[in-house]
Amino acid sequence: MNTFKEKYFSVIFFYNLFKVYCMNIFIAKLNFSTTSDSLRDLFEEFGEVTSANVIMDRVTGKSKGYGFVEMANDDEAQRAIDETDQSEFEERTIVVKKANPREERPKSNNRRFDRDDRY
């Protein structure tokens, strides 16, 4: 019988393995009223969408005007990029590109948020 730890790490492993085979697509110049669901609907015309996300500002809760879509099949994703780049979507001409991998950022040395050294 597998322990919780073994099950947890196997789920994480397969999730990360699945993410490697997905193509992440960056979409810019979105209408500020665009939702994640409407973005998903646009890209589902080209194939299976595993996730769609419009990036929102933490403070205001409003769209930042860009988002990301993950598609399971690279050929379908490339076709979606080719056909939607510089196209009209919700009254805006959008820019669609293959997303660059997210880089690891070093931890901040900002002492203002370091609560352990308070006193």
Protein backbone atom coordinates (compact mmCIF):
# COMPACT_ATOMS: atom_id res chain seq x y z
CA MET A 1 0.00 0.00 0.00
CA ASN A 2 1.35 3.41 -0.98
CA THR A 3 1.83 5.98 1.71
CA PHE A 4 0.41 9.47 1.39
CA LYS A 5 3.90 10.81 0.65
CA GLU A 6 4.43 8.33 -2.21
CA LYS A 7 1.01 9.12 -3.70
CA TYR A 8 1.58 12.85 -3.37
CA PHE A 9 4.97 12.79 -5.10
CA SER A 10 3.74 10.51 -7.89
CA VAL A 11 0.85 12.91 -8.58
CA ILE A 12 3.25 15.87 -8.64
CA PHE A 13 5.64 13.98 -10.91
CA PHE A 14 2.94 13.12 -13.47
CA TYR A 15 1.49 16.64 -13.30
CA ASN A 16 4.91 18.14 -14.07
CA LEU A 17 5.49 15.56 -16.80
CA PHE A 18 2.16 16.50 -18.36
CA LYS A 19 3.05 20.22 -18.18
CA VAL A 20 6.28 19.56 -20.10
CA TYR A 21 4.28 18.29 -23.07
CA CYS A 22 1.85 21.22 -23.08
CA MET A 23 2.56 24.32 -25.12
CA ASN A 24 2.09 27.55 -23.21
CA ILE A 25 0.82 30.44 -25.33
CA PHE A 26 1.11 34.14 -24.43
CA ILE A 27 -1.67 36.47 -25.57
CA ALA A 28 -1.19 40.27 -25.34
CA LYS A 29 -3.26 43.38 -26.09
CA LEU A 30 -6.47 41.77 -24.81
CA ASN A 31 -9.57 43.84 -24.25
CA PHE A 32 -9.79 44.62 -20.53
CA SER A 33 -13.23 42.98 -20.42
CA THR A 34 -11.91 39.66 -21.81
CA THR A 35 -12.42 36.73 -19.43
CA SER A 36 -10.57 33.45 -19.07
CA ASP A 37 -13.66 31.65 -20.39
CA SER A 38 -13.81 33.72 -23.58
CA LEU A 39 -10.08 33.17 -24.11
CA ARG A 40 -10.61 29.41 -23.67
CA ASP A 41 -13.49 29.49 -26.16
CA LEU A 42 -11.29 31.22 -28.76
CA PHE A 43 -8.52 28.62 -28.53
CA GLU A 44 -10.79 25.57 -28.24
CA GLU A 45 -11.61 26.09 -31.92
CA PHE A 46 -8.08 24.78 -32.62
CA GLY A 47 -7.89 21.87 -30.16
CA GLU A 48 -7.86 20.80 -26.52
CA VAL A 49 -7.16 23.62 -24.08
CA THR A 50 -5.80 22.47 -20.72
CA SER A 51 -5.94 25.92 -19.11
CA ALA A 52 -6.73 29.53 -19.96
CA ASN A 53 -6.00 32.46 -17.68
CA VAL A 54 -6.36 36.22 -18.04
CA ILE A 55 -3.91 37.91 -15.66
CA MET A 56 -5.58 40.22 -13.14
CA ASP A 57 -4.09 43.05 -11.08
CA ARG A 58 -3.91 42.06 -7.41
CA VAL A 59 -4.88 45.48 -6.09
CA THR A 60 -7.63 46.58 -8.48
CA GLY A 61 -8.89 43.16 -9.58
CA LYS A 62 -8.97 44.38 -13.19
CA SER A 63 -7.40 42.68 -16.19
CA LYS A 64 -3.82 43.58 -17.07
CA GLY A 65 -4.58 43.03 -20.77
CA TYR A 66 -2.69 39.78 -21.27
CA GLY A 67 -3.11 36.09 -20.55
CA PHE A 68 -1.89 32.56 -21.09
CA VAL A 69 -3.39 29.46 -22.68
CA GLU A 70 -2.00 25.93 -22.42
CA MET A 71 -2.78 23.46 -25.16
CA ALA A 72 -2.10 19.73 -25.00
CA ASN A 73 -1.06 19.26 -28.62
CA ASP A 74 1.88 21.24 -30.04
CA ASP A 75 0.63 21.10 -33.65
CA GLU A 76 -2.80 22.43 -32.65
CA ALA A 77 -1.16 25.10 -30.50
CA GLN A 78 1.10 26.24 -33.35
CA ARG A 79 -1.88 26.40 -35.69
CA ALA A 80 -3.76 28.49 -33.10
CA ILE A 81 -0.80 30.86 -32.79
CA ASP A 82 -0.48 31.23 -36.56
CA GLU A 83 -4.18 31.89 -37.10
CA THR A 84 -4.89 34.16 -34.13
CA ASP A 85 -1.77 36.35 -34.09
CA GLN A 86 -2.64 39.89 -35.25
CA SER A 87 -6.32 38.95 -35.46
CA GLU A 88 -9.34 40.83 -34.13
CA PHE A 89 -10.74 39.50 -30.84
CA GLU A 90 -13.34 41.38 -28.82
CA GLU A 91 -12.66 44.65 -30.68
CA ARG A 92 -8.87 44.49 -30.21
CA THR A 93 -6.01 43.27 -32.41
CA ILE A 94 -4.27 40.66 -30.26
CA VAL A 95 -0.66 39.46 -30.28
CA VAL A 96 -0.18 35.70 -29.83
CA LYS A 97 3.18 33.99 -29.28
CA LYS A 98 4.67 30.89 -27.77
CA ALA A 99 5.37 31.78 -24.13
CA ASN A 100 8.92 31.77 -22.84
CA PRO A 101 9.54 29.47 -19.87
CA ARG A 102 9.18 31.19 -16.52
CA GLU A 103 12.54 31.96 -14.98
CA GLU A 104 13.30 31.28 -11.34
CA ARG A 105 13.63 34.54 -9.45
CA PRO A 106 15.98 34.83 -6.48
CA LYS A 107 14.42 35.47 -3.12
CA SER A 108 14.21 39.11 -2.19
CA ASN A 109 16.52 40.59 0.42
CA ASN A 110 13.86 43.10 1.33
CA ARG A 111 14.11 43.29 5.11
CA ARG A 112 10.79 45.05 5.46
CA PHE A 113 9.01 41.73 5.10
CA ASP A 114 11.41 39.74 7.28
CA ARG A 115 9.42 39.37 10.51
CA ASP A 116 11.96 37.19 12.37
CA ASP A 117 14.46 40.03 12.90
CA ARG A 118 11.92 42.44 14.29
CA TYR A 119 13.27 42.82 17.82
